Amino acid sequence: MPEPKRVFISYSHEDKEHENHAIHDARVLAFADSLNANGFLAAIDQYVDNPSETWELWMERQIHKSDFVLLICNETYHRRFYQTEKDGVGLGARWEGHIMRHLLYQQAGSNDKFIPVLFPDGADSHIPTPIAGYTHYRITLPDLSDNGYERLIRRLSNQPATPAPVVSTVPNLPPTPRGTPTPT
C-alpha cells in the first residue's frame, strides 16, 4: 500500500479579540481531521503542543516534506502573508508566507504544491498573488458531499472527475490504389 500523501495546512490564527477566533480554529481543525479521515496525512500546528525543534524549523520542515500545502486564505492570512500585520502579530503565517514565496521564486513560478483554499467567508481577493492564478477550492463542509471539498480531494489524490480516455493504437489503414479518386 502506498504511503499517504502529506498535506500541511497553512492558516492564520485569528486575534483572540476577534469574534470568530474559536470558530475559525475549530473549522481548520475539522478540515484537517477530515483530510486525515480521507486517507491523507494532514499536519497543522493544533496537533502539536511543543515541537522538539523550534516552531520556525517545524513549519519549514512541514512545508518541505509535504506533497501539498493548503493555504486557508482569508483577510487575516492575506495581511500576514504580505507582512502588513501589526508588529509581532501572526508570525507563523508571516514565516510560512516567506518560505512559500521563496520556493515559488526558485521554481520560476511553477507550482504543483501550494493550493489556495477558501472557507465561506473568504474572498478571491484574499488569495496571495503568487498563487492567485492557480485553481482554488471553496470549502463549505469538510466532507465529500461538498463539491469544493470533493474537487480538492480529487486534486490531492489525482482522481479527476473526467479522466482522459485511454489512448488506443492508430488503425493500420491499407493504402488507396493509385488512380482512385480521393473522396471529398
N, C-alpha and C. Protein backbone atom coordinates (compact mmCIF):
# COMPACT_ATOMS: atom_id res chain seq x y z
N MET A 1 0.85 -1.18 0.00
CA MET A 1 0.00 0.00 0.00
C MET A 1 0.89 1.24 0.00
N PRO A 2 0.60 2.20 -0.89
CA PRO A 2 1.45 3.39 -0.95
C PRO A 2 1.28 4.27 0.29
N GLU A 3 2.34 5.03 0.57
CA GLU A 3 2.29 5.99 1.67
C GLU A 3 1.21 7.02 1.40
N PRO A 4 0.52 7.49 2.44
CA PRO A 4 -0.47 8.56 2.21
C PRO A 4 0.24 9.86 1.83
N LYS A 5 -0.43 10.67 1.02
CA LYS A 5 0.10 11.97 0.64
C LYS A 5 0.13 12.86 1.88
N ARG A 6 1.21 13.61 2.02
CA ARG A 6 1.37 14.53 3.15
C ARG A 6 0.81 15.89 2.77
N VAL A 7 0.02 16.45 3.67
CA VAL A 7 -0.61 17.76 3.44
C VAL A 7 -0.34 18.63 4.67
N PHE A 8 0.19 19.81 4.43
CA PHE A 8 0.37 20.78 5.50
C PHE A 8 -0.64 21.90 5.30
N ILE A 9 -1.31 22.29 6.36
CA ILE A 9 -2.30 23.36 6.29
C ILE A 9 -1.69 24.63 6.88
N SER A 10 -1.55 25.63 6.03
CA SER A 10 -1.04 26.93 6.44
C SER A 10 -2.24 27.86 6.62
N TYR A 11 -2.37 28.44 7.80
CA TYR A 11 -3.51 29.31 8.08
C TYR A 11 -3.11 30.31 9.15
N SER A 12 -3.95 31.27 9.38
CA SER A 12 -3.67 32.25 10.42
C SER A 12 -4.65 32.04 11.57
N HIS A 13 -4.11 32.10 12.78
CA HIS A 13 -4.98 32.15 13.95
C HIS A 13 -5.56 33.56 13.99
N GLU A 14 -6.84 33.65 14.21
CA GLU A 14 -7.44 34.98 14.37
C GLU A 14 -7.01 35.55 15.72
N ASP A 15 -6.95 36.86 15.79
CA ASP A 15 -6.63 37.51 17.07
C ASP A 15 -7.63 37.05 18.12
N LYS A 16 -7.17 36.92 19.35
CA LYS A 16 -8.04 36.45 20.44
C LYS A 16 -9.27 37.33 20.59
N GLU A 17 -9.14 38.63 20.29
CA GLU A 17 -10.30 39.53 20.45
C GLU A 17 -11.26 39.44 19.27
N HIS A 18 -10.85 38.77 18.18
CA HIS A 18 -11.72 38.63 17.01
C HIS A 18 -12.86 37.69 17.35
N GLU A 19 -14.07 38.09 17.01
CA GLU A 19 -15.26 37.31 17.42
C GLU A 19 -15.26 35.90 16.86
N ASN A 20 -14.61 35.66 15.73
CA ASN A 20 -14.62 34.33 15.11
C ASN A 20 -13.36 33.53 15.40
N HIS A 21 -12.58 33.94 16.39
CA HIS A 21 -11.31 33.27 16.70
C HIS A 21 -11.51 31.77 16.89
N ALA A 22 -12.36 31.38 17.82
CA ALA A 22 -12.55 29.96 18.13
C ALA A 22 -13.21 29.23 16.98
N ILE A 23 -14.13 29.88 16.28
CA ILE A 23 -14.83 29.25 15.15
C ILE A 23 -13.85 28.94 14.03
N HIS A 24 -12.98 29.90 13.71
CA HIS A 24 -12.01 29.70 12.63
C HIS A 24 -11.06 28.55 12.94
N ASP A 25 -10.48 28.54 14.14
CA ASP A 25 -9.55 27.48 14.51
C ASP A 25 -10.25 26.12 14.54
N ALA A 26 -11.50 26.08 15.00
CA ALA A 26 -12.25 24.82 15.02
C ALA A 26 -12.55 24.34 13.60
N ARG A 27 -12.82 25.26 12.69
CA ARG A 27 -13.10 24.89 11.29
C ARG A 27 -11.83 24.34 10.63
N VAL A 28 -10.69 24.94 10.91
CA VAL A 28 -9.42 24.44 10.37
C VAL A 28 -9.13 23.06 10.94
N LEU A 29 -9.36 22.87 12.23
CA LEU A 29 -9.14 21.57 12.85
C LEU A 29 -10.05 20.51 12.24
N ALA A 30 -11.33 20.82 12.04
CA ALA A 30 -12.26 19.88 11.42
C ALA A 30 -11.82 19.54 9.99
N PHE A 31 -11.31 20.53 9.28
CA PHE A 31 -10.81 20.32 7.93
C PHE A 31 -9.62 19.35 7.94
N ALA A 32 -8.67 19.57 8.84
CA ALA A 32 -7.50 18.68 8.96
C ALA A 32 -7.94 17.27 9.37
N ASP A 33 -8.85 17.18 10.33
CA ASP A 33 -9.35 15.87 10.76
C ASP A 33 -10.01 15.13 9.61
N SER A 34 -10.76 15.85 8.79
CA SER A 34 -11.44 15.24 7.65
C SER A 34 -10.44 14.75 6.61
N LEU A 35 -9.41 15.53 6.36
CA LEU A 35 -8.38 15.08 5.41
C LEU A 35 -7.72 13.80 5.92
N ASN A 36 -7.41 13.75 7.21
CA ASN A 36 -6.82 12.53 7.78
C ASN A 36 -7.79 11.36 7.66
N ALA A 37 -9.07 11.60 7.89
CA ALA A 37 -10.08 10.54 7.80
C ALA A 37 -10.26 10.06 6.35
N ASN A 38 -9.86 10.89 5.38
CA ASN A 38 -9.98 10.52 3.97
C ASN A 38 -8.67 10.05 3.37
N GLY A 39 -7.72 9.63 4.21
CA GLY A 39 -6.53 8.96 3.70
C GLY A 39 -5.31 9.82 3.48
N PHE A 40 -5.32 11.06 3.95
CA PHE A 40 -4.16 11.94 3.81
C PHE A 40 -3.51 12.11 5.18
N LEU A 41 -2.23 12.39 5.17
CA LEU A 41 -1.52 12.66 6.41
C LEU A 41 -1.43 14.18 6.54
N ALA A 42 -2.47 14.77 7.15
CA ALA A 42 -2.56 16.23 7.27
C ALA A 42 -1.91 16.68 8.57
N ALA A 43 -1.18 17.78 8.47
CA ALA A 43 -0.50 18.35 9.64
C ALA A 43 -0.92 19.79 9.83
N ILE A 44 -1.19 20.15 11.08
CA ILE A 44 -1.43 21.54 11.47
C ILE A 44 -0.80 21.73 12.85
N ASP A 45 -0.59 22.98 13.19
CA ASP A 45 0.04 23.28 14.48
C ASP A 45 -0.83 22.85 15.67
N GLN A 46 -2.14 22.76 15.48
CA GLN A 46 -3.02 22.37 16.59
C GLN A 46 -2.77 20.94 17.05
N TYR A 47 -2.15 20.11 16.20
CA TYR A 47 -1.83 18.74 16.58
C TYR A 47 -0.55 18.65 17.41
N VAL A 48 0.17 19.74 17.54
CA VAL A 48 1.49 19.73 18.19
C VAL A 48 1.47 20.71 19.36
N ASP A 49 1.73 20.21 20.56
CA ASP A 49 1.80 21.10 21.72
C ASP A 49 3.14 21.81 21.79
N ASN A 50 4.20 21.06 21.54
CA ASN A 50 5.54 21.60 21.67
C ASN A 50 6.47 20.79 20.77
N PRO A 51 6.83 21.33 19.61
CA PRO A 51 7.71 20.55 18.74
C PRO A 51 9.09 20.38 19.38
N SER A 52 9.77 19.30 19.04
CA SER A 52 11.11 19.06 19.59
C SER A 52 12.15 20.01 19.02
N GLU A 53 11.76 20.72 17.97
CA GLU A 53 12.61 21.74 17.36
C GLU A 53 11.90 23.09 17.53
N THR A 54 12.45 24.16 17.06
CA THR A 54 11.75 25.44 17.16
C THR A 54 10.52 25.42 16.27
N TRP A 55 9.58 26.29 16.57
CA TRP A 55 8.38 26.39 15.72
C TRP A 55 8.76 26.77 14.30
N GLU A 56 9.74 27.66 14.16
CA GLU A 56 10.16 28.09 12.82
C GLU A 56 10.66 26.90 12.00
N LEU A 57 11.49 26.06 12.61
CA LEU A 57 12.00 24.89 11.91
C LEU A 57 10.89 23.87 11.65
N TRP A 58 9.99 23.70 12.61
CA TRP A 58 8.85 22.79 12.42
C TRP A 58 8.03 23.21 11.20
N MET A 59 7.70 24.51 11.10
CA MET A 59 6.91 24.99 9.96
C MET A 59 7.66 24.76 8.65
N GLU A 60 8.93 25.10 8.64
CA GLU A 60 9.72 24.94 7.41
C GLU A 60 9.78 23.47 7.00
N ARG A 61 9.99 22.57 7.94
CA ARG A 61 10.04 21.14 7.62
C ARG A 61 8.70 20.64 7.11
N GLN A 62 7.61 21.13 7.70
CA GLN A 62 6.29 20.71 7.22
C GLN A 62 6.09 21.11 5.76
N ILE A 63 6.48 22.32 5.42
CA ILE A 63 6.33 22.80 4.04
C ILE A 63 7.18 21.95 3.10
N HIS A 64 8.42 21.68 3.48
CA HIS A 64 9.32 20.93 2.60
C HIS A 64 8.92 19.47 2.43
N LYS A 65 8.49 18.82 3.53
CA LYS A 65 8.21 17.38 3.42
C LYS A 65 6.79 17.06 2.94
N SER A 66 5.94 18.07 2.85
CA SER A 66 4.57 17.84 2.40
C SER A 66 4.51 17.75 0.88
N ASP A 67 3.59 16.91 0.41
CA ASP A 67 3.33 16.84 -1.03
C ASP A 67 2.53 18.07 -1.46
N PHE A 68 1.67 18.55 -0.55
CA PHE A 68 0.83 19.72 -0.83
C PHE A 68 0.78 20.62 0.40
N VAL A 69 0.71 21.91 0.16
CA VAL A 69 0.48 22.88 1.23
C VAL A 69 -0.82 23.60 0.89
N LEU A 70 -1.80 23.48 1.77
CA LEU A 70 -3.09 24.13 1.58
C LEU A 70 -3.09 25.43 2.35
N LEU A 71 -3.28 26.53 1.65
CA LEU A 71 -3.30 27.86 2.27
C LEU A 71 -4.75 28.25 2.51
N ILE A 72 -5.15 28.38 3.77
CA ILE A 72 -6.50 28.80 4.10
C ILE A 72 -6.50 30.33 4.01
N CYS A 73 -7.02 30.83 2.91
CA CYS A 73 -6.93 32.26 2.59
C CYS A 73 -8.13 33.02 3.12
N ASN A 74 -7.86 33.96 4.00
CA ASN A 74 -8.86 34.92 4.45
C ASN A 74 -8.15 36.27 4.61
N GLU A 75 -8.86 37.27 5.04
CA GLU A 75 -8.29 38.61 5.13
C GLU A 75 -7.07 38.64 6.06
N THR A 76 -7.16 37.97 7.20
CA THR A 76 -6.06 37.95 8.16
C THR A 76 -4.85 37.25 7.57
N TYR A 77 -5.07 36.10 6.93
CA TYR A 77 -3.95 35.37 6.33
C TYR A 77 -3.27 36.23 5.27
N HIS A 78 -4.06 36.92 4.47
CA HIS A 78 -3.52 37.78 3.41
C HIS A 78 -2.61 38.86 4.00
N ARG A 79 -3.05 39.52 5.07
CA ARG A 79 -2.23 40.55 5.72
C ARG A 79 -0.91 39.97 6.23
N ARG A 80 -1.01 38.80 6.81
CA ARG A 80 0.19 38.21 7.40
C ARG A 80 1.12 37.66 6.33
N PHE A 81 0.57 37.10 5.27
CA PHE A 81 1.38 36.60 4.16
C PHE A 81 2.23 37.75 3.58
N TYR A 82 1.62 38.93 3.48
CA TYR A 82 2.31 40.10 2.94
C TYR A 82 3.01 40.94 3.99
N GLN A 83 3.01 40.46 5.23
CA GLN A 83 3.71 41.11 6.33
C GLN A 83 3.27 42.56 6.54
N THR A 84 1.95 42.77 6.42
CA THR A 84 1.39 44.09 6.68
C THR A 84 0.61 44.12 7.99
N GLU A 85 0.73 43.07 8.76
CA GLU A 85 0.07 42.98 10.07
C GLU A 85 0.86 43.80 11.08
N LYS A 86 0.24 44.10 12.22
CA LYS A 86 0.94 44.80 13.31
C LYS A 86 2.19 44.02 13.69
N ASP A 87 3.23 44.74 14.09
CA ASP A 87 4.47 44.10 14.50
C ASP A 87 4.22 43.08 15.61
N GLY A 88 4.86 41.94 15.48
CA GLY A 88 4.77 40.90 16.50
C GLY A 88 3.52 40.05 16.46
N VAL A 89 2.63 40.29 15.49
CA VAL A 89 1.37 39.55 15.41
C VAL A 89 1.40 38.64 14.18
N GLY A 90 0.94 37.40 14.35
CA GLY A 90 0.82 36.50 13.21
C GLY A 90 2.14 36.06 12.62
N LEU A 91 3.11 35.81 13.48
CA LEU A 91 4.45 35.50 12.99
C LEU A 91 4.50 34.17 12.23
N GLY A 92 3.69 33.19 12.61
CA GLY A 92 3.70 31.90 11.93
C GLY A 92 3.29 32.03 10.47
N ALA A 93 2.19 32.68 10.20
CA ALA A 93 1.74 32.85 8.81
C ALA A 93 2.72 33.72 8.03
N ARG A 94 3.31 34.69 8.69
CA ARG A 94 4.34 35.52 8.03
C ARG A 94 5.51 34.65 7.60
N TRP A 95 5.99 33.82 8.51
CA TRP A 95 7.14 32.96 8.24
C TRP A 95 6.83 31.98 7.11
N GLU A 96 5.68 31.35 7.19
CA GLU A 96 5.29 30.39 6.15
C GLU A 96 5.17 31.09 4.80
N GLY A 97 4.59 32.28 4.78
CA GLY A 97 4.48 33.05 3.54
C GLY A 97 5.84 33.34 2.94
N HIS A 98 6.79 33.71 3.80
CA HIS A 98 8.16 33.98 3.34
C HIS A 98 8.77 32.74 2.68
N ILE A 99 8.63 31.60 3.32
CA ILE A 99 9.18 30.35 2.79
C ILE A 99 8.52 30.01 1.46
N MET A 100 7.20 30.12 1.39
CA MET A 100 6.48 29.78 0.16
C MET A 100 6.86 30.70 -0.99
N ARG A 101 6.94 32.00 -0.72
CA ARG A 101 7.35 32.93 -1.78
C ARG A 101 8.73 32.58 -2.30
N HIS A 102 9.64 32.23 -1.40
CA HIS A 102 11.00 31.87 -1.81
C HIS A 102 10.99 30.60 -2.68
N LEU A 103 10.22 29.60 -2.27
CA LEU A 103 10.17 28.36 -3.06
C LEU A 103 9.55 28.59 -4.44
N LEU A 104 8.50 29.40 -4.49
CA LEU A 104 7.90 29.71 -5.79
C LEU A 104 8.88 30.49 -6.67
N TYR A 105 9.64 31.37 -6.08
CA TYR A 105 10.66 32.13 -6.81
C TYR A 105 11.70 31.18 -7.39
N GLN A 106 12.17 30.23 -6.57
CA GLN A 106 13.17 29.27 -7.03
C GLN A 106 12.64 28.39 -8.17
N GLN A 107 11.33 28.14 -8.16
CA GLN A 107 10.71 27.29 -9.19
C GLN A 107 10.22 28.11 -10.37
N ALA A 108 10.62 29.37 -10.43
CA ALA A 108 10.23 30.28 -11.52
C ALA A 108 8.71 30.31 -11.71
N GLY A 109 7.98 30.23 -10.58
CA GLY A 109 6.52 30.33 -10.63
C GLY A 109 5.81 29.01 -10.90
N SER A 110 6.55 27.96 -11.20
CA SER A 110 5.93 26.64 -11.41
C SER A 110 5.39 26.15 -10.07
N ASN A 111 4.17 25.65 -10.06
CA ASN A 111 3.54 25.32 -8.79
C ASN A 111 2.62 24.12 -8.90
N ASP A 112 2.99 23.03 -8.24
CA ASP A 112 2.12 21.88 -8.08
C ASP A 112 1.83 21.62 -6.60
N LYS A 113 2.40 22.43 -5.73
CA LYS A 113 2.37 22.14 -4.30
C LYS A 113 1.46 23.04 -3.49
N PHE A 114 1.43 24.33 -3.80
CA PHE A 114 0.71 25.30 -2.98
C PHE A 114 -0.69 25.53 -3.54
N ILE A 115 -1.70 25.22 -2.72
CA ILE A 115 -3.09 25.23 -3.18
C ILE A 115 -3.91 26.18 -2.30
N PRO A 116 -4.51 27.21 -2.91
CA PRO A 116 -5.36 28.11 -2.13
C PRO A 116 -6.72 27.49 -1.83
N VAL A 117 -7.16 27.65 -0.59
CA VAL A 117 -8.46 27.14 -0.14
C VAL A 117 -9.20 28.31 0.51
N LEU A 118 -10.46 28.45 0.18
CA LEU A 118 -11.31 29.49 0.77
C LEU A 118 -12.44 28.83 1.55
N PHE A 119 -12.67 29.29 2.77
CA PHE A 119 -13.85 28.93 3.51
C PHE A 119 -14.95 29.91 3.08
N PRO A 120 -16.19 29.71 3.50
CA PRO A 120 -17.29 30.57 3.02
C PRO A 120 -17.06 32.07 3.20
N ASP A 121 -16.34 32.47 4.24
CA ASP A 121 -16.11 33.90 4.47
C ASP A 121 -14.87 34.43 3.75
N GLY A 122 -14.18 33.59 3.00
CA GLY A 122 -13.00 34.03 2.26
C GLY A 122 -13.40 34.58 0.89
N ALA A 123 -12.63 35.54 0.42
CA ALA A 123 -12.89 36.15 -0.90
C ALA A 123 -11.70 35.85 -1.81
N ASP A 124 -11.96 35.84 -3.11
CA ASP A 124 -10.88 35.61 -4.07
C ASP A 124 -9.74 36.60 -3.86
N SER A 125 -10.05 37.81 -3.45
CA SER A 125 -9.03 38.83 -3.24
C SER A 125 -8.11 38.50 -2.06
N HIS A 126 -8.46 37.52 -1.24
CA HIS A 126 -7.62 37.11 -0.11
C HIS A 126 -6.54 36.12 -0.53
N ILE A 127 -6.58 35.64 -1.77
CA ILE A 127 -5.57 34.69 -2.24
C ILE A 127 -4.31 35.49 -2.60
N PRO A 128 -3.17 35.15 -2.00
CA PRO A 128 -1.94 35.88 -2.32
C PRO A 128 -1.60 35.78 -3.81
N THR A 129 -1.10 36.86 -4.35
CA THR A 129 -0.81 36.97 -5.78
C THR A 129 0.04 35.83 -6.32
N PRO A 130 1.09 35.36 -5.63
CA PRO A 130 1.91 34.29 -6.22
C PRO A 130 1.15 33.01 -6.56
N ILE A 131 -0.01 32.80 -5.92
CA ILE A 131 -0.78 31.59 -6.22
C ILE A 131 -2.19 31.89 -6.71
N ALA A 132 -2.48 33.15 -6.94
CA ALA A 132 -3.84 33.55 -7.33
C ALA A 132 -4.24 33.02 -8.70
N GLY A 133 -3.30 32.78 -9.57
CA GLY A 133 -3.62 32.31 -10.91
C GLY A 133 -3.84 30.81 -11.00
N TYR A 134 -3.67 30.10 -9.90
CA TYR A 134 -3.86 28.66 -9.89
C TYR A 134 -5.26 28.32 -9.38
N THR A 135 -5.70 27.11 -9.64
CA THR A 135 -7.03 26.68 -9.21
C THR A 135 -7.14 26.77 -7.69
N HIS A 136 -8.24 27.37 -7.24
CA HIS A 136 -8.51 27.41 -5.80
C HIS A 136 -9.77 26.61 -5.51
N TYR A 137 -9.97 26.29 -4.25
CA TYR A 137 -11.09 25.45 -3.82
C TYR A 137 -11.84 26.16 -2.72
N ARG A 138 -13.16 26.28 -2.89
CA ARG A 138 -14.02 26.90 -1.89
C ARG A 138 -14.70 25.76 -1.13
N ILE A 139 -14.41 25.68 0.17
CA ILE A 139 -14.88 24.59 1.01
C ILE A 139 -15.97 25.11 1.94
N THR A 140 -17.12 24.47 1.90
CA THR A 140 -18.19 24.81 2.83
C THR A 140 -18.18 23.83 4.00
N LEU A 141 -18.19 22.55 3.68
CA LEU A 141 -18.16 21.50 4.69
C LEU A 141 -16.97 20.59 4.38
N PRO A 142 -16.24 20.16 5.40
CA PRO A 142 -15.14 19.25 5.10
C PRO A 142 -15.63 17.81 4.97
N ASP A 143 -16.52 17.57 3.99
CA ASP A 143 -16.93 16.20 3.69
C ASP A 143 -17.24 16.09 2.20
N LEU A 144 -17.33 14.88 1.73
CA LEU A 144 -17.44 14.64 0.30
C LEU A 144 -18.77 15.04 -0.31
N SER A 145 -19.75 15.46 0.51
CA SER A 145 -21.00 15.98 -0.04
C SER A 145 -20.83 17.42 -0.53
N ASP A 146 -19.73 18.05 -0.16
CA ASP A 146 -19.42 19.42 -0.57
C ASP A 146 -18.62 19.36 -1.86
N ASN A 147 -19.13 19.98 -2.92
CA ASN A 147 -18.48 19.92 -4.22
C ASN A 147 -17.04 20.46 -4.18
N GLY A 148 -16.81 21.55 -3.47
CA GLY A 148 -15.46 22.12 -3.37
C GLY A 148 -14.50 21.16 -2.68
N TYR A 149 -14.96 20.52 -1.62
CA TYR A 149 -14.12 19.57 -0.90
C TYR A 149 -13.85 18.35 -1.77
N GLU A 150 -14.88 17.86 -2.45
CA GLU A 150 -14.68 16.70 -3.33
C GLU A 150 -13.66 17.03 -4.43
N ARG A 151 -13.77 18.22 -5.03
CA ARG A 151 -12.82 18.62 -6.07
C ARG A 151 -11.40 18.66 -5.51
N LEU A 152 -11.25 19.15 -4.28
CA LEU A 152 -9.93 19.20 -3.65
C LEU A 152 -9.39 17.79 -3.42
N ILE A 153 -10.21 16.90 -2.90
CA ILE A 153 -9.78 15.51 -2.67
C ILE A 153 -9.36 14.87 -3.99
N ARG A 154 -10.12 15.14 -5.04
CA ARG A 154 -9.76 14.61 -6.37
C ARG A 154 -8.39 15.14 -6.79
N ARG A 155 -8.13 16.41 -6.54
CA ARG A 155 -6.83 17.00 -6.90
C ARG A 155 -5.71 16.37 -6.09
N LEU A 156 -5.90 16.27 -4.79
CA LEU A 156 -4.85 15.72 -3.93
C LEU A 156 -4.56 14.26 -4.21
N SER A 157 -5.58 13.53 -4.65
CA SER A 157 -5.42 12.09 -4.90
C SER A 157 -5.28 11.75 -6.38
N ASN A 158 -5.17 12.77 -7.23
CA ASN A 158 -5.02 12.58 -8.68
C ASN A 158 -6.13 11.69 -9.24
N GLN A 159 -7.37 12.04 -8.90
CA GLN A 159 -8.55 11.33 -9.41
C GLN A 159 -9.48 12.33 -10.08
N PRO A 160 -9.16 12.76 -11.31
CA PRO A 160 -10.01 13.75 -11.97
C PRO A 160 -11.44 13.25 -12.15
N ALA A 161 -12.39 14.15 -12.09
CA ALA A 161 -13.81 13.79 -12.26
C ALA A 161 -14.06 13.24 -13.66
N THR A 162 -13.34 13.76 -14.63
CA THR A 162 -13.47 13.29 -16.02
C THR A 162 -12.08 12.90 -16.51
N PRO A 163 -11.69 11.66 -16.24
CA PRO A 163 -10.36 11.25 -16.68
C PRO A 163 -10.29 11.17 -18.21
N ALA A 164 -9.12 11.42 -18.73
CA ALA A 164 -8.92 11.29 -20.17
C ALA A 164 -9.08 9.84 -20.57
N PRO A 165 -9.64 9.57 -21.75
CA PRO A 165 -9.78 8.18 -22.17
C PRO A 165 -8.41 7.56 -22.44
N VAL A 166 -8.37 6.25 -22.37
CA VAL A 166 -7.14 5.54 -22.70
C VAL A 166 -6.90 5.69 -24.19
N VAL A 167 -5.69 6.08 -24.54
CA VAL A 167 -5.36 6.26 -25.95
C VAL A 167 -5.09 4.89 -26.56
N SER A 168 -5.79 4.62 -27.62
CA SER A 168 -5.64 3.35 -28.31
C SER A 168 -4.57 3.48 -29.38
N THR A 169 -4.38 2.41 -30.13
CA THR A 169 -3.41 2.46 -31.22
C THR A 169 -4.08 3.03 -32.47
N VAL A 170 -3.29 3.65 -33.30
CA VAL A 170 -3.79 4.18 -34.56
C VAL A 170 -4.09 2.99 -35.47
N PRO A 171 -5.27 2.98 -36.13
CA PRO A 171 -5.59 1.84 -37.00
C PRO A 171 -4.61 1.78 -38.18
N ASN A 172 -4.31 0.57 -38.57
CA ASN A 172 -3.44 0.36 -39.73
C ASN A 172 -4.33 0.33 -40.96
N LEU A 173 -4.31 1.40 -41.75
CA LEU A 173 -5.17 1.52 -42.92
C LEU A 173 -4.41 1.11 -44.17
N PRO A 174 -5.05 0.33 -45.02
CA PRO A 174 -4.36 -0.06 -46.26
C PRO A 174 -4.24 1.14 -47.19
N PRO A 175 -3.23 1.14 -48.04
CA PRO A 175 -3.08 2.24 -48.98
C PRO A 175 -4.22 2.24 -50.00
N THR A 176 -4.54 3.41 -50.52
CA THR A 176 -5.55 3.53 -51.56
C THR A 176 -4.85 3.28 -52.90
N PRO A 177 -5.44 2.43 -53.74
CA PRO A 177 -4.79 2.18 -55.03
C PRO A 177 -4.64 3.48 -55.82
N ARG A 178 -3.53 3.60 -56.54
CA ARG A 178 -3.28 4.81 -57.34
C ARG A 178 -4.30 4.94 -58.42
N GLY A 179 -4.67 6.18 -58.65
CA GLY A 179 -5.67 6.46 -59.68
C GLY A 179 -7.09 6.44 -59.15
N THR A 180 -7.27 6.01 -57.87
CA THR A 180 -8.61 6.02 -57.27
C THR A 180 -8.89 7.43 -56.76
N PRO A 181 -10.04 7.98 -57.18
CA PRO A 181 -10.34 9.33 -56.69
C PRO A 181 -10.42 9.37 -55.16
N THR A 182 -9.85 10.40 -54.60
CA THR A 182 -9.91 10.60 -53.16
C THR A 182 -11.25 11.21 -52.82
N PRO A 183 -11.99 10.60 -51.88
CA PRO A 183 -13.30 11.17 -51.51
C PRO A 183 -13.12 12.56 -50.90
N THR A 184 -14.08 13.41 -51.20
CA THR A 184 -14.02 14.77 -50.65
C THR A 184 -14.96 14.94 -49.50
